[in-house]
C-alpha atoms as a PDB file:
ATOM      1  CA  UNK A   1      20.557   0.863   1.066  1.00  0.00           C
ATOM      2  CA  UNK A   2      16.955   0.019   1.497  1.00  0.00           C
ATOM      3  CA  UNK A   3      14.357   1.569  -0.746  1.00  0.00           C
ATOM      4  CA  UNK A   4      10.554   1.884  -0.242  1.00  0.00           C
ATOM      5  CA  UNK A   5       8.414   1.920  -3.376  1.00  0.00           C
ATOM      6  CA  UNK A   6       4.715   2.762  -3.383  1.00  0.00           C
ATOM      7  CA  UNK A   7       2.733   2.364  -6.682  1.00  0.00           C
ATOM      8  CA  UNK A   8      -0.869   2.987  -7.719  1.00  0.00           C
ATOM      9  CA  UNK A   9      -2.977   3.593 -10.766  1.00  0.00           C
ATOM     10  CA  UNK A  10      -6.259   5.191 -11.847  1.00  0.00           C
ATOM     11  CA  UNK A  11      -8.147   4.288 -14.844  1.00  0.00           C
ATOM     12  CA  UNK A  12     -11.083   5.844 -16.916  1.00  0.00           C
ATOM     13  CA  UNK A  13     -12.805   2.978 -18.767  1.00  0.00           C
ATOM     14  CA  UNK A  14     -14.879   5.404 -21.032  1.00  0.00           C
ATOM     15  CA  UNK A  15     -11.738   6.892 -22.619  1.00  0.00           C
ATOM     16  CA  UNK A  16      -9.278   3.972 -21.966  1.00  0.00           C
ATOM     17  CA  UNK A  17      -6.837   6.415 -20.159  1.00  0.00           C
ATOM     18  CA  UNK A  18      -4.695   5.583 -17.052  1.00  0.00           C
ATOM     19  CA  UNK A  19      -2.587   7.473 -14.584  1.00  0.00           C
ATOM     20  CA  UNK A  20       0.149   5.368 -13.098  1.00  0.00           C
ATOM     21  CA  UNK A  21       2.181   6.679 -10.233  1.00  0.00           C
ATOM     22  CA  UNK A  22       5.325   5.872  -8.290  1.00  0.00           C
ATOM     23  CA  UNK A  23       6.625   7.276  -4.998  1.00  0.00           C
ATOM     24  CA  UNK A  24      10.175   6.266  -4.033  1.00  0.00           C
ATOM     25  CA  UNK A  25      11.680   6.820  -0.591  1.00  0.00           C
ATOM     26  CA  UNK A  26      15.262   6.478   0.559  1.00  0.00           C
ATOM     27  CA  UNK A  27      15.861   6.805   4.230  1.00  0.00           C
ATOM     28  CA  UNK A  28      12.460   8.178   4.714  1.00  0.00           C
ATOM     29  CA  UNK A  29      12.928  10.932   2.134  1.00  0.00           C
ATOM     30  CA  UNK A  30      10.984  11.124  -1.136  1.00  0.00           C
ATOM     31  CA  UNK A  31      13.390  11.074  -4.103  1.00  0.00           C
ATOM     32  CA  UNK A  32      10.928  10.475  -6.774  1.00  0.00           C
ATOM     33  CA  UNK A  33       7.109  11.163  -7.147  1.00  0.00           C
ATOM     34  CA  UNK A  34       5.950  10.828 -10.618  1.00  0.00           C
ATOM     35  CA  UNK A  35       2.635  10.194 -12.368  1.00  0.00           C
ATOM     36  CA  UNK A  36       2.532   9.178 -15.998  1.00  0.00           C
ATOM     37  CA  UNK A  37      -0.748   9.448 -18.142  1.00  0.00           C
ATOM     38  CA  UNK A  38      -1.039   6.627 -20.732  1.00  0.00           C
ATOM     39  CA  UNK A  39      -3.665   6.021 -23.352  1.00  0.00           C
ATOM     40  CA  UNK A  40      -4.765   2.494 -24.525  1.00  0.00           C
ATOM     41  CA  UNK A  41      -3.604   0.129 -21.583  1.00  0.00           C
ATOM     42  CA  UNK A  42      -6.938  -1.578 -21.641  1.00  0.00           C
ATOM     43  CA  UNK A  43      -7.731  -1.719 -17.908  1.00  0.00           C
ATOM     44  CA  UNK A  44      -6.766  -1.123 -14.292  1.00  0.00           C
ATOM     45  CA  UNK A  45      -4.987  -4.483 -13.899  1.00  0.00           C
ATOM     46  CA  UNK A  46      -2.411  -3.420 -16.694  1.00  0.00           C
ATOM     47  CA  UNK A  47      -2.180   0.072 -15.365  1.00  0.00           C
ATOM     48  CA  UNK A  48      -1.338  -1.188 -11.786  1.00  0.00           C
ATOM     49  CA  UNK A  49       1.129  -3.513 -13.249  1.00  0.00           C
ATOM     50  CA  UNK A  50       2.810  -0.897 -15.421  1.00  0.00           C
ATOM     51  CA  UNK A  51       3.183   1.315 -12.366  1.00  0.00           C
ATOM     52  CA  UNK A  52       4.873  -1.450 -10.482  1.00  0.00           C
ATOM     53  CA  UNK A  53       7.115  -2.382 -13.289  1.00  0.00           C
ATOM     54  CA  UNK A  54       8.148   1.217 -13.808  1.00  0.00           C
ATOM     55  CA  UNK A  55       8.885   1.814 -10.164  1.00  0.00           C
ATOM     56  CA  UNK A  56      10.894  -1.392  -9.707  1.00  0.00           C
ATOM     57  CA  UNK A  57      12.933  -0.527 -12.732  1.00  0.00           C
ATOM     58  CA  UNK A  58      13.631   2.882 -11.423  1.00  0.00           C
ATOM     59  CA  UNK A  59      14.631   1.538  -7.992  1.00  0.00           C
ATOM     60  CA  UNK A  60      17.023  -1.050  -9.647  1.00  0.00           C
ATOM     61  CA  UNK A  61      18.947   1.717 -11.225  1.00  0.00           C
ATOM     62  CA  UNK A  62      19.683   3.522  -7.981  1.00  0.00           C
ATOM     63  CA  UNK A  63      23.343   3.023  -6.970  1.00  0.00           C
ATOM     64  CA  UNK A  64      23.953   0.974  -3.853  1.00  0.00           C
ATOM     65  CA  UNK A  65      20.418  -0.486  -3.547  1.00  0.00           C
ATOM     66  CA  UNK A  66      20.432  -3.662  -1.463  1.00  0.00           C
ATOM     67  CA  UNK A  67      16.722  -4.065  -0.652  1.00  0.00           C
ATOM     68  CA  UNK A  68      13.564  -2.970  -2.226  1.00  0.00           C
ATOM     69  CA  UNK A  69      10.246  -2.988  -0.296  1.00  0.00           C
ATOM     70  CA  UNK A  70       7.478  -2.388  -2.838  1.00  0.00           C
ATOM     71  CA  UNK A  71       3.870  -1.585  -1.825  1.00  0.00           C
ATOM     72  CA  UNK A  72       0.703  -1.793  -3.970  1.00  0.00           C
ATOM     73  CA  UNK A  73      -3.019  -1.451  -2.930  1.00  0.00           C
ATOM     74  CA  UNK A  74      -4.006  -3.751  -5.935  1.00  0.00           C
ATOM     75  CA  UNK A  75      -4.767  -6.988  -4.168  1.00  0.00           C
ATOM     76  CA  UNK A  76      -5.244  -8.748  -7.489  1.00  0.00           C
ATOM     77  CA  UNK A  77      -1.683  -7.958  -8.552  1.00  0.00           C
ATOM     78  CA  UNK A  78      -0.246  -9.407  -5.238  1.00  0.00           C
ATOM     79  CA  UNK A  79      -2.434 -12.623  -5.836  1.00  0.00           C
ATOM     80  CA  UNK A  80      -1.118 -13.055  -9.309  1.00  0.00           C
ATOM     81  CA  UNK A  81       2.545 -12.498  -8.110  1.00  0.00           C
ATOM     82  CA  UNK A  82       1.959 -15.152  -5.345  1.00  0.00           C
ATOM     83  CA  UNK A  83       0.335 -17.619  -7.725  1.00  0.00           C
ATOM     84  CA  UNK A  84       3.073 -17.110 -10.344  1.00  0.00           C
ATOM     85  CA  UNK A  85       0.565 -16.090 -12.932  1.00  0.00           C
ATOM     86  CA  UNK A  86       2.375 -14.577 -15.892  1.00  0.00           C
ATOM     87  CA  UNK A  87       2.884 -10.864 -16.356  1.00  0.00           C
ATOM     88  CA  UNK A  88       5.966 -11.040 -18.573  1.00  0.00           C
ATOM     89  CA  UNK A  89       7.250  -7.441 -18.059  1.00  0.00           C
ATOM     90  CA  UNK A  90       6.862  -7.826 -14.323  1.00  0.00           C
ATOM     91  CA  UNK A  91       8.383 -11.241 -14.111  1.00  0.00           C
ATOM     92  CA  UNK A  92      11.374 -10.107 -16.181  1.00  0.00           C
ATOM     93  CA  UNK A  93      11.788  -7.100 -13.876  1.00  0.00           C
ATOM     94  CA  UNK A  94      11.563  -9.187 -10.732  1.00  0.00           C
ATOM     95  CA  UNK A  95      13.979 -11.749 -12.150  1.00  0.00           C
ATOM     96  CA  UNK A  96      16.480  -8.998 -13.132  1.00  0.00           C
ATOM     97  CA  UNK A  97      16.367  -7.531  -9.644  1.00  0.00           C
ATOM     98  CA  UNK A  98      16.820 -10.827  -7.739  1.00  0.00           C
ATOM     99  CA  UNK A  99      19.482 -11.945 -10.151  1.00  0.00           C
ATOM    100  CA  UNK A 100      21.540  -8.936  -9.116  1.00  0.00           C
ATOM    101  CA  UNK A 101      21.252 -10.124  -5.397  1.00  0.00           C
ATOM    102  CA  UNK A 102      18.841  -7.316  -4.467  1.00  0.00           C
ATOM    103  CA  UNK A 103      16.440  -8.471  -1.777  1.00  0.00           C
ATOM    104  CA  UNK A 104      12.889  -7.757  -3.066  1.00  0.00           C
ATOM    105  CA  UNK A 105       9.641  -7.847  -1.208  1.00  0.00           C
ATOM    106  CA  UNK A 106       6.277  -6.805  -2.779  1.00  0.00           C
ATOM    107  CA  UNK A 107       3.467  -6.341  -0.279  1.00  0.00           C
ATOM    108  CA  UNK A 108      -0.130  -5.385  -0.298  1.00  0.00           C
ATOM    109  CA  UNK A 109      -1.018  -2.107   1.463  1.00  0.00           C
ATOM    110  CA  UNK A 110      -4.671  -1.297   2.084  1.00  0.00           C
ATOM    111  CA  UNK A 111      -6.014   1.710   0.045  1.00  0.00           C
ATOM    112  CA  UNK A 112      -7.474   4.592   1.980  1.00  0.00           C
ATOM    113  CA  UNK A 113      -6.443   3.218   5.463  1.00  0.00           C
ATOM    114  CA  UNK A 114      -4.143   5.979   6.539  1.00  0.00           C
ATOM    115  CA  UNK A 115      -0.907   5.045   4.851  1.00  0.00           C
ATOM    116  CA  UNK A 116       0.459   8.637   4.011  1.00  0.00           C
ATOM    117  CA  UNK A 117       2.572   7.503   1.084  1.00  0.00           C
ATOM    118  CA  UNK A 118      -0.154   5.204  -0.527  1.00  0.00           C
ATOM    119  CA  UNK A 119      -2.583   8.061  -0.101  1.00  0.00           C
ATOM    120  CA  UNK A 120      -0.250  10.507  -1.714  1.00  0.00           C
ATOM    121  CA  UNK A 121       0.351   8.453  -4.791  1.00  0.00           C
ATOM    122  CA  UNK A 122      -3.410   7.493  -4.884  1.00  0.00           C
ATOM    123  CA  UNK A 123      -4.408  11.070  -4.885  1.00  0.00           C
ATOM    124  CA  UNK A 124      -1.782  12.133  -7.446  1.00  0.00           C
ATOM    125  CA  UNK A 125      -3.006   9.533  -9.815  1.00  0.00           C
ATOM    126  CA  UNK A 126      -6.699  10.284  -9.342  1.00  0.00           C
ATOM    127  CA  UNK A 127      -6.202  14.172  -9.683  1.00  0.00           C
ATOM    128  CA  UNK A 128      -3.960  13.776 -12.892  1.00  0.00           C
ATOM    129  CA  UNK A 129      -6.519  11.465 -14.552  1.00  0.00           C
ATOM    130  CA  UNK A 130      -9.383  13.858 -13.794  1.00  0.00           C
ATOM    131  CA  UNK A 131      -7.283  16.630 -15.102  1.00  0.00           C
ATOM    132  CA  UNK A 132      -6.388  14.875 -18.397  1.00  0.00           C
ATOM    133  CA  UNK A 133      -9.777  13.533 -19.046  1.00  0.00           C
ATOM    134  CA  UNK A 134     -11.289  17.089 -18.597  1.00  0.00           C
ATOM    135  CA  UNK A 135      -8.717  18.528 -20.949  1.00  0.00           C
ATOM    136  CA  UNK A 136      -9.143  15.854 -23.575  1.00  0.00           C
ATOM    137  CA  UNK A 137     -12.995  16.171 -23.521  1.00  0.00           C
ATOM    138  CA  UNK A 138     -12.776  20.035 -23.778  1.00  0.00           C
ATOM    139  CA  UNK A 139     -10.239  19.911 -26.614  1.00  0.00           C
ATOM    140  CA  UNK A 140     -11.864  16.902 -28.368  1.00  0.00           C
ATOM    141  CA  UNK A 141      -8.463  15.196 -28.504  1.00  0.00           C
ATOM    142  CA  UNK A 142      -9.915  11.710 -27.846  1.00  0.00           C
ATOM    143  CA  UNK A 143     -13.116  10.051 -28.368  1.00  0.00           C
ATOM    144  CA  UNK A 144     -14.810   7.567 -26.049  1.00  0.00           C
ATOM    145  CA  UNK A 145     -14.335   3.852 -26.731  1.00  0.00           C
ATOM    146  CA  UNK A 146     -17.424   2.157 -28.274  1.00  0.00           C
END
């Protein structure tokens, strides 16, 4: 079974809040579309990495998976993977998947260029981030970073 994974993240620097999204397809059907909001990740690079790790780990757990094609619009993340720069959680996840004999390909997809699935996860992340920032500001649950 081949799985397609699309990941994305949105980040608000003022409040150090991220929304990280995954979209998983099996045979062209969406089986998971989830956005998680996280405080304190410290930047978009970490948020994008977290989304990819979360998505890959979910795909790994699907019974019968033989191939995972993962797509991210975060070019910096693809560059880090190709140059073998260390992101421990991501490296460990990739190693776990490939050690089980699952074919894994992580590719760059251009943001806002008409890819339906990338646009869907991007919009979900952006909308959830806006919603949570607005809620937290109105309820004074979090304070801006100094």
